[in-house]
């Protein structure tokens, strides 16, 4: 192609052949690109309440990886705790009977039971390490709107499952050790002065609750870090400790408020359900009692009592699993937020989204015959 000097400004390079050609007045065709997908979670640091809202979003987006695994884990834990409690009661039935005959001993036993129940409610927080690992994997996929099933998350955690269980055991052992150290002076003093021993032991439990809140906040992100970054047990604990170093109070506020609100919501859900179940049980029991105490009525009453207990247990397990599923989702949100603020993880997510969109555009361009006919794909 030859061009005169005065027409140089009216030429352009033909990148297919490397030669000059007359500049066309029309704009070059733009390659079609799919619309950017915002994702279920925003690819930026979260505000205080956005992290809590992310827990609800994960429940809706990946119910199997949040509520499903929580239901499985809490069912197994409840069965194990029930069998252990039954074995203790049956093995010490005589001692418990003698204690209940003494009013003062009965009061002491009631205090011990209440203390154990409070301690157990805090010790079970160690399961959040396991549940938040599943939630973190689901949350990492939620940035690109990829729905993740429980089986997919289970496969993604291959090679890390044993470490997650070991992490839960380490956290549980640490909480029990701290509880033993703080309550031991009161137990020793209980032999010399029961009143002073109970007071010191109660103070030790109060201090343990405060220590648990601190240690839980500092170590809560370990399970998510282990799952997403493939770390060891103690490396994950160190990672969680570092991530919460400059955001402790914000993380503590998010986790504490999430735990409080979820427990209140669970109470609101449980109360009417349990009331209805108790009303139905009493109604059926009264109807059976009108039968004159026949053997069939007695058998039906026993079966009804067993069914009532199973129903109440199932409702309680489901409500507790829902609470911990939400809490584990919030933990995953806090973990991702801390990484975005400290390490710019949001830039990694944006770059990954760009690569995914480019790959999707290439796939559409290669499979759509109209793209070749219209030249939207450019020279090949």
Protein backbone atom coordinates (compact mmCIF):
# COMPACT_ATOMS: atom_id res chain seq x y z
CA UNK A 1 0.00 0.00 0.00
CA UNK A 2 1.35 3.45 -0.93
CA UNK A 3 0.21 6.66 0.68
CA UNK A 4 1.08 10.27 -0.09
CA UNK A 5 2.85 12.35 2.61
CA UNK A 6 -0.15 14.60 3.11
CA UNK A 7 -2.35 11.60 3.93
CA UNK A 8 -0.17 10.14 6.67
CA UNK A 9 -2.53 11.43 9.36
CA UNK A 10 -5.36 9.57 7.67
CA UNK A 11 -3.71 6.16 7.97
CA UNK A 12 -3.54 3.51 10.65
CA UNK A 13 -1.64 0.30 11.20
CA UNK A 14 -3.25 -2.97 10.16
CA UNK A 15 -2.06 -5.12 13.06
CA UNK A 16 -2.93 -8.31 11.19
CA UNK A 17 -0.44 -7.62 8.36
CA UNK A 18 1.80 -4.93 9.84
CA UNK A 19 1.14 -2.48 6.98
CA UNK A 20 -0.54 0.92 6.74
CA UNK A 21 -4.12 1.30 5.60
CA UNK A 22 -6.58 4.15 5.26
CA UNK A 23 -8.11 5.09 8.58
CA UNK A 24 -11.76 4.14 8.68
CA UNK A 25 -14.28 6.49 10.17
CA UNK A 26 -16.06 3.73 12.05
CA UNK A 27 -14.94 2.75 15.56
CA UNK A 28 -13.35 -0.68 15.83
CA UNK A 29 -15.75 -3.36 17.02
CA UNK A 30 -15.54 -3.92 20.75
CA UNK A 31 -15.15 -7.43 22.04
CA UNK A 32 -18.16 -8.59 24.04
CA UNK A 33 -17.48 -9.10 27.73
CA UNK A 34 -19.85 -10.49 30.34
CA UNK A 35 -21.09 -8.09 32.98
CA UNK A 36 -18.90 -8.14 36.09
CA UNK A 37 -20.42 -10.29 38.79
CA UNK A 38 -20.46 -8.47 42.14
CA UNK A 39 -20.57 -11.70 44.14
CA UNK A 40 -22.55 -12.50 47.26
CA UNK A 41 -19.96 -10.74 49.44
CA UNK A 42 -18.37 -7.37 48.59
CA UNK A 43 -14.72 -7.48 47.56
CA UNK A 44 -13.67 -4.82 50.05
CA UNK A 45 -13.20 -4.50 53.81
CA UNK A 46 -16.43 -4.90 55.77
CA UNK A 47 -17.98 -2.46 58.16
CA UNK A 48 -18.85 -3.53 61.69
CA UNK A 49 -22.38 -4.69 60.87
CA UNK A 50 -21.54 -5.94 57.35
CA UNK A 51 -19.47 -8.70 58.94
CA UNK A 52 -22.50 -9.75 60.97
CA UNK A 53 -24.75 -9.53 57.93
CA UNK A 54 -22.26 -11.74 56.12
CA UNK A 55 -23.09 -14.52 58.59
CA UNK A 56 -26.74 -14.43 57.48
CA UNK A 57 -25.71 -14.26 53.81
CA UNK A 58 -23.59 -17.38 54.19
CA UNK A 59 -26.51 -19.20 55.82
CA UNK A 60 -28.65 -18.46 52.76
CA UNK A 61 -25.89 -18.91 50.18
CA UNK A 62 -24.27 -22.11 51.52
CA UNK A 63 -26.67 -23.73 54.04
CA UNK A 64 -24.96 -27.11 53.82
CA UNK A 65 -21.48 -25.74 54.59
CA UNK A 66 -22.81 -23.71 57.54
CA UNK A 67 -25.99 -25.07 59.10
CA UNK A 68 -25.57 -28.61 57.73
CA UNK A 69 -22.15 -29.25 59.25
CA UNK A 70 -23.20 -27.52 62.49
CA UNK A 71 -26.22 -29.83 62.74
CA UNK A 72 -24.06 -32.91 62.22
CA UNK A 73 -21.40 -31.85 64.71
CA UNK A 74 -23.83 -30.79 67.45
CA UNK A 75 -25.86 -33.97 67.07
CA UNK A 76 -22.75 -36.07 67.62
CA UNK A 77 -21.62 -33.89 70.54
CA UNK A 78 -25.07 -34.03 72.15
CA UNK A 79 -25.23 -37.81 71.85
CA UNK A 80 -21.74 -38.17 73.35
CA UNK A 81 -22.59 -35.77 76.20
CA UNK A 82 -25.88 -37.54 76.85
CA UNK A 83 -24.24 -40.95 77.05
CA UNK A 84 -21.54 -39.61 79.36
CA UNK A 85 -24.08 -37.92 81.65
CA UNK A 86 -26.23 -41.06 81.78
CA UNK A 87 -23.22 -43.21 82.65
CA UNK A 88 -22.23 -40.82 85.47
CA UNK A 89 -25.75 -40.74 86.92
CA UNK A 90 -26.20 -44.51 86.77
CA UNK A 91 -22.74 -45.18 88.19
CA UNK A 92 -23.25 -42.76 91.09
CA UNK A 93 -26.96 -43.22 91.75
CA UNK A 94 -26.42 -44.09 95.42
CA UNK A 95 -24.21 -41.07 96.10
CA UNK A 96 -26.63 -38.73 94.31
CA UNK A 97 -29.53 -40.14 96.34
CA UNK A 98 -27.71 -39.47 99.63
CA UNK A 99 -26.82 -35.94 98.51
CA UNK A 100 -30.42 -35.14 97.62
CA UNK A 101 -31.57 -36.29 101.08
CA UNK A 102 -29.44 -33.54 102.66
CA UNK A 103 -30.82 -30.04 101.83
CA UNK A 104 -27.45 -28.32 102.19
CA UNK A 105 -25.71 -30.91 100.05
CA UNK A 106 -28.51 -30.60 97.50
CA UNK A 107 -27.90 -26.85 97.26
CA UNK A 108 -24.20 -27.48 96.75
CA UNK A 109 -24.94 -30.06 94.06
CA UNK A 110 -27.22 -27.57 92.31
CA UNK A 111 -24.44 -24.95 92.36
CA UNK A 112 -22.02 -27.48 90.90
CA UNK A 113 -24.47 -28.44 88.15
CA UNK A 114 -25.10 -24.79 87.25
CA UNK A 115 -21.37 -24.08 87.18
CA UNK A 116 -20.71 -27.10 84.98
CA UNK A 117 -23.48 -26.08 82.57
CA UNK A 118 -22.06 -22.55 82.26
CA UNK A 119 -18.57 -23.92 81.75
CA UNK A 120 -19.83 -26.38 79.14
CA UNK A 121 -21.61 -23.60 77.23
CA UNK A 122 -18.29 -21.76 76.94
CA UNK A 123 -16.16 -24.83 76.33
CA UNK A 124 -18.33 -25.77 73.35
CA UNK A 125 -17.11 -22.57 71.69
CA UNK A 126 -14.04 -24.62 70.73
CA UNK A 127 -16.22 -26.21 68.03
CA UNK A 128 -16.32 -22.83 66.28
CA UNK A 129 -12.77 -23.56 65.08
CA UNK A 130 -14.07 -26.51 63.07
CA UNK A 131 -17.29 -24.87 61.87
CA UNK A 132 -15.61 -21.60 60.86
CA UNK A 133 -13.22 -23.57 58.64
CA UNK A 134 -16.17 -24.81 56.57
CA UNK A 135 -17.72 -21.33 56.58
CA UNK A 136 -14.44 -19.71 55.47
CA UNK A 137 -14.12 -22.01 52.45
CA UNK A 138 -17.73 -21.26 51.50
CA UNK A 139 -17.17 -17.52 52.01
CA UNK A 140 -14.09 -17.54 49.79
CA UNK A 141 -16.23 -19.04 47.02
CA UNK A 142 -19.08 -16.63 47.70
CA UNK A 143 -17.01 -13.70 46.43
CA UNK A 144 -17.49 -15.05 42.91
CA UNK A 145 -21.08 -16.30 43.51
CA UNK A 146 -20.03 -19.94 43.34
CA UNK A 147 -22.48 -21.95 45.41
CA UNK A 148 -20.60 -24.44 47.55
CA UNK A 149 -22.14 -27.61 48.89
CA UNK A 150 -21.10 -29.43 52.03
CA UNK A 151 -19.57 -32.26 50.02
CA UNK A 152 -17.51 -29.78 47.97
CA UNK A 153 -16.17 -28.11 51.11
CA UNK A 154 -15.43 -31.52 52.62
CA UNK A 155 -13.35 -32.40 49.55
CA UNK A 156 -11.61 -29.01 49.64
CA UNK A 157 -10.53 -29.68 53.24
CA UNK A 158 -8.85 -32.96 52.35
CA UNK A 159 -5.58 -33.22 54.25
CA UNK A 160 -6.67 -30.58 56.79
CA UNK A 161 -9.54 -32.33 58.58
CA UNK A 162 -7.37 -34.04 61.20
CA UNK A 163 -5.58 -30.76 61.89
CA UNK A 164 -8.94 -29.04 62.43
CA UNK A 165 -9.99 -31.68 64.96
CA UNK A 166 -6.63 -31.36 66.69
CA UNK A 167 -7.06 -27.58 66.76
CA UNK A 168 -10.42 -27.99 68.54
CA UNK A 169 -8.83 -30.34 71.06
CA UNK A 170 -5.95 -27.92 71.73
CA UNK A 171 -8.35 -25.00 72.28
CA UNK A 172 -10.58 -27.10 74.54
CA UNK A 173 -7.59 -28.27 76.57
CA UNK A 174 -6.35 -24.68 76.95
CA UNK A 175 -9.75 -23.50 78.24
CA UNK A 176 -9.99 -26.42 80.68
CA UNK A 177 -6.45 -25.76 81.92
CA UNK A 178 -7.19 -22.09 82.57
CA UNK A 179 -10.43 -23.05 84.33
CA UNK A 180 -8.60 -25.54 86.53
CA UNK A 181 -5.93 -23.04 87.52
CA UNK A 182 -8.46 -20.33 88.43
CA UNK A 183 -10.90 -22.62 90.29
CA UNK A 184 -8.30 -24.76 92.12
CA UNK A 185 -7.75 -22.25 95.01
CA UNK A 186 -11.48 -22.22 95.74
CA UNK A 187 -11.68 -26.01 95.72
CA UNK A 188 -8.77 -26.24 98.15
CA UNK A 189 -10.28 -23.60 100.40
CA UNK A 190 -13.63 -25.41 100.27
CA UNK A 191 -12.26 -28.09 102.60
CA UNK A 192 -11.29 -25.53 105.25
CA UNK A 193 -14.17 -23.08 104.90
CA UNK A 194 -17.10 -24.01 102.64
CA UNK A 195 -18.46 -20.43 102.42
CA UNK A 196 -15.09 -18.92 101.56
CA UNK A 197 -14.33 -21.78 99.17
CA UNK A 198 -17.58 -21.23 97.25
CA UNK A 199 -16.87 -17.48 97.07
CA UNK A 200 -13.32 -17.95 95.78
CA UNK A 201 -14.41 -20.64 93.32
CA UNK A 202 -17.18 -18.37 92.00
CA UNK A 203 -14.67 -15.56 91.57
CA UNK A 204 -12.39 -17.98 89.72
CA UNK A 205 -15.23 -18.92 87.35
CA UNK A 206 -15.93 -15.22 86.69
CA UNK A 207 -12.26 -14.62 85.91
CA UNK A 208 -12.29 -17.68 83.66
CA UNK A 209 -15.24 -16.29 81.69
CA UNK A 210 -13.28 -13.07 81.09
CA UNK A 211 -10.17 -15.04 80.12
CA UNK A 212 -12.26 -17.20 77.78
CA UNK A 213 -13.65 -14.11 76.04
CA UNK A 214 -10.12 -12.80 75.50
CA UNK A 215 -8.61 -16.10 74.37
CA UNK A 216 -11.56 -16.90 72.12
CA UNK A 217 -11.26 -13.55 70.35
CA UNK A 218 -7.50 -13.95 69.86
CA UNK A 219 -7.74 -17.55 68.61
CA UNK A 220 -11.13 -17.52 66.84
CA UNK A 221 -9.62 -17.02 63.37
CA UNK A 222 -7.31 -20.05 63.60
CA UNK A 223 -9.75 -22.50 62.02
CA UNK A 224 -10.44 -20.23 59.05
CA UNK A 225 -6.72 -19.56 58.59
CA UNK A 226 -5.93 -23.27 58.72
CA UNK A 227 -8.59 -24.06 56.10
CA UNK A 228 -7.89 -21.23 53.64
CA UNK A 229 -4.10 -20.94 54.01
CA UNK A 230 -3.32 -24.62 54.76
CA UNK A 231 -1.42 -23.92 57.98
CA UNK A 232 -0.47 -26.16 60.87
CA UNK A 233 -2.28 -26.09 64.20
CA UNK A 234 0.07 -23.81 66.10
CA UNK A 235 0.88 -21.76 62.99
CA UNK A 236 -2.87 -21.13 62.59
CA UNK A 237 -3.14 -20.03 66.23
CA UNK A 238 -0.19 -17.66 65.75
CA UNK A 239 -1.79 -16.37 62.54
CA UNK A 240 -5.06 -15.63 64.37
CA UNK A 241 -3.16 -13.91 67.17
CA UNK A 242 -1.37 -11.66 64.63
CA UNK A 243 -4.49 -10.81 62.63
CA UNK A 244 -6.36 -9.59 65.73
CA UNK A 245 -3.42 -7.61 67.08
CA UNK A 246 -4.60 -4.17 65.89
CA UNK A 247 -8.29 -4.94 65.66
CA UNK A 248 -8.98 -6.75 68.91
CA UNK A 249 -11.81 -4.62 70.23
CA UNK A 250 -13.63 -4.48 66.90
CA UNK A 251 -13.30 -8.26 66.51
CA UNK A 252 -14.38 -8.80 70.11
CA UNK A 253 -17.42 -6.56 69.63
CA UNK A 254 -18.46 -8.36 66.44
CA UNK A 255 -18.11 -11.83 67.95
CA UNK A 256 -19.66 -10.96 71.32
CA UNK A 257 -22.63 -9.15 69.76
CA UNK A 258 -23.15 -11.99 67.28
CA UNK A 259 -23.11 -14.56 70.08
CA UNK A 260 -25.55 -12.53 72.18
CA UNK A 261 -27.99 -11.76 69.36
CA UNK A 262 -27.95 -15.31 68.00
CA UNK A 263 -28.58 -16.76 71.46
CA UNK A 264 -31.51 -14.37 71.96
CA UNK A 265 -32.97 -15.26 68.57
CA UNK A 266 -32.62 -18.95 69.37
CA UNK A 267 -34.43 -18.39 72.67
CA UNK A 268 -37.25 -16.63 70.84
CA UNK A 269 -37.52 -19.54 68.44
CA UNK A 270 -37.29 -22.25 71.08
CA UNK A 271 -39.79 -20.82 73.56
CA UNK A 272 -42.97 -21.06 71.45
CA UNK A 273 -41.96 -24.41 69.94
CA UNK A 274 -41.31 -25.94 73.35
CA UNK A 275 -44.55 -24.43 74.66
CA UNK A 276 -46.53 -26.04 71.85
CA UNK A 277 -44.82 -29.39 72.37
CA UNK A 278 -45.50 -29.31 76.11
CA UNK A 279 -49.14 -28.35 75.52
CA UNK A 280 -49.62 -31.24 73.07
CA UNK A 281 -47.91 -33.64 75.49
CA UNK A 282 -50.13 -32.60 78.40
CA UNK A 283 -53.26 -32.77 76.26
CA UNK A 284 -52.50 -36.27 75.01
CA UNK A 285 -51.49 -37.40 78.50
CA UNK A 286 -54.82 -36.21 79.93
CA UNK A 287 -56.73 -37.99 77.16
CA UNK A 288 -54.84 -41.22 77.87
CA UNK A 289 -55.47 -40.87 81.60
CA UNK A 290 -59.22 -40.85 80.98
CA UNK A 291 -58.84 -44.40 79.65
CA UNK A 292 -58.79 -45.71 83.20
CA UNK A 293 -55.09 -46.63 83.42
CA UNK A 294 -55.16 -49.61 81.08
CA UNK A 295 -51.94 -51.27 79.97
CA UNK A 296 -52.26 -49.87 76.46
CA UNK A 297 -52.68 -46.37 77.86
CA UNK A 298 -49.60 -46.80 80.08
CA UNK A 299 -47.55 -48.04 77.14
CA UNK A 300 -48.77 -45.15 75.01
CA UNK A 301 -47.85 -42.73 77.79
CA UNK A 302 -44.31 -44.10 77.98
CA UNK A 303 -43.97 -43.93 74.19
CA UNK A 304 -45.33 -40.40 74.24
CA UNK A 305 -42.82 -39.38 76.89
CA UNK A 306 -39.94 -40.80 74.88
CA UNK A 307 -41.19 -39.12 71.71
CA UNK A 308 -41.57 -35.84 73.57
CA UNK A 309 -37.99 -36.04 74.81
CA UNK A 310 -36.69 -36.82 71.33
CA UNK A 311 -38.69 -33.93 69.82
CA UNK A 312 -37.44 -31.45 72.41
CA UNK A 313 -33.87 -32.68 71.93
CA UNK A 314 -34.12 -32.36 68.14
CA UNK A 315 -35.49 -28.82 68.38
CA UNK A 316 -32.78 -27.82 70.86
CA UNK A 317 -30.03 -29.31 68.69
CA UNK A 318 -31.38 -27.57 65.59
CA UNK A 319 -31.61 -24.20 67.33
CA UNK A 320 -28.10 -24.52 68.79
CA UNK A 321 -26.73 -25.57 65.42
CA UNK A 322 -28.33 -22.51 63.82
CA UNK A 323 -26.74 -20.25 66.42
CA UNK A 324 -23.28 -21.72 65.93
CA UNK A 325 -23.65 -21.73 62.13
CA UNK A 326 -24.29 -17.99 62.22
CA UNK A 327 -21.44 -17.41 64.68
CA UNK A 328 -19.01 -19.42 62.55
CA UNK A 329 -20.06 -17.38 59.51
CA UNK A 330 -19.30 -14.16 61.38
CA UNK A 331 -15.89 -15.57 62.37
CA UNK A 332 -15.16 -16.25 58.70
CA UNK A 333 -16.20 -12.67 57.84
CA UNK A 334 -13.93 -11.26 60.55
CA UNK A 335 -11.04 -13.36 59.23
CA UNK A 336 -11.49 -12.10 55.67
CA UNK A 337 -11.96 -8.51 56.85
CA UNK A 338 -8.74 -8.59 58.87
CA UNK A 339 -6.82 -9.95 55.87
CA UNK A 340 -8.23 -7.24 53.61
CA UNK A 341 -7.32 -4.46 56.02
CA UNK A 342 -3.85 -5.72 56.89
CA UNK A 343 -2.69 -7.45 53.70
CA UNK A 344 -4.83 -6.09 50.87
CA UNK A 345 -6.59 -9.40 50.30
CA UNK A 346 -9.37 -7.49 48.54
CA UNK A 347 -6.93 -6.75 45.70
CA UNK A 348 -6.29 -10.49 45.37
CA UNK A 349 -10.04 -11.10 45.16
CA UNK A 350 -10.46 -8.38 42.51
CA UNK A 351 -7.61 -9.82 40.44
CA UNK A 352 -9.12 -13.28 40.73
CA UNK A 353 -12.48 -11.91 39.58
CA UNK A 354 -10.84 -10.31 36.55
CA UNK A 355 -9.21 -13.60 35.60
CA UNK A 356 -12.51 -15.43 36.01
CA UNK A 357 -14.34 -12.89 33.84
CA UNK A 358 -11.64 -13.06 31.17
CA UNK A 359 -11.83 -16.86 31.16
CA UNK A 360 -15.63 -16.68 30.90
CA UNK A 361 -15.34 -14.24 27.97
CA UNK A 362 -12.92 -16.52 26.15
CA UNK A 363 -15.26 -19.45 26.70
CA UNK A 364 -18.26 -17.56 25.32
CA UNK A 365 -16.23 -16.22 22.41
CA UNK A 366 -15.02 -19.68 21.44
CA UNK A 367 -18.46 -21.30 21.66
CA UNK A 368 -20.63 -18.53 20.16
CA UNK A 369 -20.70 -18.76 16.31
CA UNK A 370 -22.09 -15.23 15.99
CA UNK A 371 -18.90 -13.83 17.50
CA UNK A 372 -16.89 -15.19 14.54
CA UNK A 373 -19.40 -13.96 11.95
CA UNK A 374 -19.56 -10.43 13.33
CA UNK A 375 -15.84 -10.17 13.93
CA UNK A 376 -16.43 -9.29 17.58
CA UNK A 377 -13.66 -11.56 18.56
CA UNK A 378 -11.11 -9.61 16.55
CA UNK A 379 -8.55 -11.09 14.15
CA UNK A 380 -7.50 -14.66 14.85
